[in-house]
C-alpha cells in the first residue's frame, strides 16, 4: 500500500544549506561582503540564545533582499534550484525518490528553507507538496523583511507537519528523512525515521532512539 515520505531539504536532499547560498547568488560581491557583519551579529545572537533562528533570516532579508520584486526573485530562485538539481544534490537522492514514487507514496518536503526555494525544488523533483518557511510580500509583490509565520524549524516543523495532516491522517507507513538533530521529534513521530548523513549530535542520538542512519553520498 502507498505510504508517505517526508524529506528535509537542506543537507538532506541537498549537500549544502540553501538560504545563505541563495542570498549570495542574488547579491553582488561588494554589497554582500559590506553587509555580512550586520547579518553575522544577528547570527551570533542566535548562537548565544538571545535571538531566534527566524530573526537571522529576517535580518538577511532586510539587508539584502527587502523590496525586490517577487517575479525577479522567483526567476532567480528557479535558476538557483536548477543548478542545485544538476550539481548540488546528494548522490542517492534520485534513487530514493524513484523508489517512493514507484511505490505510489505521497512525497513532501518539510524544511526550514523558504518557499521561494522549496516550491521550485519540489516541482523539479516531482514532490506532491511543501511544508516550509514562508516569506511575506507587500501589496505590490515586493519582499517584506518579516517572515509569514514562524520559521519552520525544530518543534515548529513537527507542529506544521501535524497541522498538515490534521484533517486526514497520512498514508502509512510514514518515513521521515533528515540530517539534523533538531528534526529528531519528526524522526520519532514518523513510523520510520532515517538520519541522512547526520550531523554529529544526531549521529550520536540516532541508535539510542532506533533511528536508522544512511549515507546518501557513497
Protein backbone atom coordinates (compact mmCIF):
# COMPACT_ATOMS: atom_id res chain seq x y z
CA UNK A 1 0.00 0.00 0.00
CA UNK A 2 1.22 3.54 -0.74
CA UNK A 3 2.67 5.42 2.22
CA UNK A 4 4.09 8.88 2.89
CA UNK A 5 7.69 10.06 2.53
CA UNK A 6 8.70 13.38 4.08
CA UNK A 7 12.11 14.87 3.28
CA UNK A 8 14.01 17.70 4.92
CA UNK A 9 15.73 19.79 2.23
CA UNK A 10 18.96 21.43 3.42
CA UNK A 11 21.80 18.91 3.77
CA UNK A 12 19.34 16.04 3.35
CA UNK A 13 18.31 16.36 -0.28
CA UNK A 14 20.99 18.99 -0.98
CA UNK A 15 24.60 18.66 0.13
CA UNK A 16 24.66 22.22 1.47
CA UNK A 17 22.18 24.64 3.01
CA UNK A 18 20.20 26.77 0.57
CA UNK A 19 19.43 30.10 2.28
CA UNK A 20 22.86 31.70 2.63
CA UNK A 21 23.90 30.38 -0.78
CA UNK A 22 20.79 31.85 -2.40
CA UNK A 23 21.39 35.24 -0.75
CA UNK A 24 24.95 35.10 -2.03
CA UNK A 25 23.73 34.09 -5.50
CA UNK A 26 21.41 37.10 -5.89
CA UNK A 27 23.70 39.73 -4.34
CA UNK A 28 26.70 41.45 -5.89
CA UNK A 29 30.09 40.95 -4.23
CA UNK A 30 30.50 44.47 -2.86
CA UNK A 31 27.06 44.54 -1.24
CA UNK A 32 27.32 41.01 0.12
CA UNK A 33 30.64 41.49 1.92
CA UNK A 34 29.81 45.01 3.09
CA UNK A 35 26.62 43.90 4.86
CA UNK A 36 27.77 40.48 6.05
CA UNK A 37 28.94 41.72 9.50
CA UNK A 38 25.45 43.11 10.20
CA UNK A 39 23.83 39.75 9.48
CA UNK A 40 26.66 38.00 11.31
CA UNK A 41 25.85 39.90 14.50
CA UNK A 42 22.30 38.53 14.41
CA UNK A 43 23.62 35.03 13.78
CA UNK A 44 25.94 35.40 16.77
CA UNK A 45 22.98 36.48 18.91
CA UNK A 46 21.14 33.34 17.83
CA UNK A 47 24.12 31.19 18.83
CA UNK A 48 24.10 32.90 22.23
CA UNK A 49 20.40 32.21 22.64
CA UNK A 50 19.33 35.86 22.61
CA UNK A 51 17.70 35.83 19.15
CA UNK A 52 15.58 33.39 17.19
CA UNK A 53 16.77 31.48 14.16
CA UNK A 54 13.98 33.09 12.15
CA UNK A 55 15.29 36.54 13.04
CA UNK A 56 18.57 35.70 11.29
CA UNK A 57 16.63 35.11 8.06
CA UNK A 58 14.70 38.33 8.60
CA UNK A 59 17.92 40.28 9.12
CA UNK A 60 19.34 38.91 5.88
CA UNK A 61 16.14 39.84 4.05
CA UNK A 62 16.24 43.37 5.49
CA UNK A 63 19.84 43.95 4.39
CA UNK A 64 19.95 42.06 1.10
CA UNK A 65 16.52 41.34 -0.38
CA UNK A 66 13.88 43.67 1.04
CA UNK A 67 11.81 45.43 -1.62
CA UNK A 68 12.88 43.25 -4.52
CA UNK A 69 10.02 42.19 -6.85
CA UNK A 70 8.56 38.75 -6.41
CA UNK A 71 8.81 37.99 -10.14
CA UNK A 72 12.54 38.79 -10.14
CA UNK A 73 13.29 36.66 -7.06
CA UNK A 74 11.18 33.75 -8.33
CA UNK A 75 13.08 33.77 -11.62
CA UNK A 76 16.42 33.80 -9.78
CA UNK A 77 15.22 31.04 -7.45
CA UNK A 78 14.29 28.86 -10.43
CA UNK A 79 17.81 29.22 -11.83
CA UNK A 80 19.37 28.59 -8.42
CA UNK A 81 17.31 25.43 -7.93
CA UNK A 82 18.18 24.13 -11.39
CA UNK A 83 21.88 24.49 -10.53
CA UNK A 84 21.34 22.51 -7.33
CA UNK A 85 19.33 19.84 -9.12
CA UNK A 86 22.18 19.50 -11.63
CA UNK A 87 25.14 19.61 -9.26
CA UNK A 88 24.15 20.05 -5.61
CA UNK A 89 22.09 17.02 -4.56
CA UNK A 90 23.28 14.03 -2.58
CA UNK A 91 24.22 11.13 -4.85
CA UNK A 92 21.47 8.71 -3.82
CA UNK A 93 18.59 11.21 -3.68
CA UNK A 94 17.17 10.23 -7.05
CA UNK A 95 17.21 6.51 -6.33
CA UNK A 96 15.34 7.08 -3.04
CA UNK A 97 12.83 9.40 -4.71
CA UNK A 98 12.23 6.91 -7.53
CA UNK A 99 11.67 4.11 -5.02
CA UNK A 100 8.98 6.09 -3.21
CA UNK A 101 7.39 7.21 -6.46
CA UNK A 102 7.28 3.63 -7.76
CA UNK A 103 5.53 2.62 -4.52
CA UNK A 104 2.94 5.32 -5.07
CA UNK A 105 3.95 7.15 -1.88
CA UNK A 106 2.94 10.76 -1.25
CA UNK A 107 6.16 12.80 -1.15
CA UNK A 108 6.52 16.04 0.81
CA UNK A 109 9.37 18.43 1.51
CA UNK A 110 9.28 19.69 5.11
CA UNK A 111 12.00 22.27 5.62
CA UNK A 112 13.09 25.45 7.34
CA UNK A 113 14.16 26.60 3.88
CA UNK A 114 11.99 29.33 2.38
CA UNK A 115 9.09 28.73 0.00
CA UNK A 116 10.92 30.67 -2.70
CA UNK A 117 13.40 27.76 -2.86
CA UNK A 118 11.28 24.83 -1.66
CA UNK A 119 8.46 25.24 -4.17
CA UNK A 120 10.58 25.10 -7.36
CA UNK A 121 12.68 22.31 -5.81
CA UNK A 122 9.55 20.26 -5.12
CA UNK A 123 8.38 20.86 -8.69
CA UNK A 124 11.74 19.89 -10.16
CA UNK A 125 11.86 16.65 -8.14
CA UNK A 126 8.16 15.84 -8.64
CA UNK A 127 7.12 16.08 -4.99
CA UNK A 128 3.45 16.39 -4.08
CA UNK A 129 3.63 19.21 -1.56
CA UNK A 130 5.77 21.53 0.57
CA UNK A 131 5.78 22.48 4.26
CA UNK A 132 8.31 25.26 4.80
CA UNK A 133 9.15 28.76 5.99
CA UNK A 134 7.03 31.35 4.21
CA UNK A 135 8.18 34.76 3.02
CA UNK A 136 5.99 37.90 3.16
CA UNK A 137 5.18 40.25 0.30
CA UNK A 138 3.58 43.68 0.22
CA UNK A 139 0.60 44.71 -1.92
CA UNK A 140 2.96 45.42 -4.82
CA UNK A 141 4.52 41.93 -4.55
CA UNK A 142 7.78 43.22 -3.14
CA UNK A 143 9.57 41.28 -0.42
CA UNK A 144 8.98 42.34 3.17
CA UNK A 145 11.63 41.91 5.91
CA UNK A 146 9.42 39.66 8.04
CA UNK A 147 8.51 36.00 7.72
CA UNK A 148 4.91 34.92 7.24
CA UNK A 149 4.57 32.92 10.45
CA UNK A 150 7.29 31.07 12.33
CA UNK A 151 10.50 29.70 10.89
CA UNK A 152 9.68 26.05 10.05
CA UNK A 153 12.43 24.63 12.26
CA UNK A 154 12.65 22.16 15.15
CA UNK A 155 9.43 21.87 17.13
CA UNK A 156 7.68 24.25 14.72
CA UNK A 157 8.38 21.86 11.85
CA UNK A 158 6.72 18.98 13.68
CA UNK A 159 3.77 21.22 14.55
CA UNK A 160 3.40 22.23 10.91
CA UNK A 161 3.63 18.61 9.72
CA UNK A 162 0.97 17.55 12.21
CA UNK A 163 -1.19 20.51 11.21
CA UNK A 164 -0.86 19.47 7.57
CA UNK A 165 -2.34 16.07 8.46
CA UNK A 166 -4.91 17.40 10.92
CA UNK A 167 -7.90 16.79 8.63
CA UNK A 168 -6.80 13.43 7.21
CA UNK A 169 -4.18 11.07 8.58
CA UNK A 170 -1.12 10.36 6.43
CA UNK A 171 -0.99 7.14 4.46
CA UNK A 172 1.07 4.62 6.39
CA UNK A 173 3.87 3.96 6.75
CA UNK A 174 5.32 7.45 7.16
CA UNK A 175 9.05 7.78 6.51
CA UNK A 176 10.87 10.96 7.55
CA UNK A 177 14.38 11.81 6.27
CA UNK A 178 16.62 14.43 7.89
CA UNK A 179 20.26 15.20 8.61
CA UNK A 180 19.82 17.33 11.73
CA UNK A 181 19.28 16.75 15.45
CA UNK A 182 16.55 19.42 15.57
CA UNK A 183 14.40 17.10 13.46
CA UNK A 184 14.61 14.28 16.00
CA UNK A 185 10.97 14.94 17.08
CA UNK A 186 9.87 14.50 13.46
CA UNK A 187 12.00 11.38 13.05
CA UNK A 188 10.41 9.85 16.16
CA UNK A 189 6.90 10.91 15.12
CA UNK A 190 7.24 9.01 11.83
CA UNK A 191 6.86 5.25 11.56
CA UNK A 192 10.38 5.15 10.17
CA UNK A 193 12.92 7.84 10.96
CA UNK A 194 16.02 7.97 8.77
CA UNK A 195 19.09 10.08 9.58
CA UNK A 196 20.71 11.04 6.27
CA UNK A 197 24.42 11.84 6.57
CA UNK A 198 23.55 13.14 10.04
CA UNK A 199 25.31 15.90 11.91
CA UNK A 200 27.31 14.77 14.93
CA UNK A 201 24.59 15.20 17.60
CA UNK A 202 22.05 13.23 15.55
CA UNK A 203 24.60 10.53 14.74
CA UNK A 204 25.17 10.06 18.48
CA UNK A 205 21.47 10.02 19.38
CA UNK A 206 20.07 8.01 16.47
CA UNK A 207 20.99 4.50 17.76
CA UNK A 208 19.53 5.33 21.18
CA UNK A 209 16.13 6.09 19.59
CA UNK A 210 16.17 3.43 16.90
CA UNK A 211 16.64 5.92 14.09
CA UNK A 212 18.28 4.39 11.03
CA UNK A 213 21.48 6.02 9.73
CA UNK A 214 22.18 6.11 5.99
CA UNK A 215 24.83 7.60 3.72
CA UNK A 216 23.48 9.11 0.50
CA UNK A 217 26.89 10.26 -0.76
CA UNK A 218 28.66 6.94 -1.35
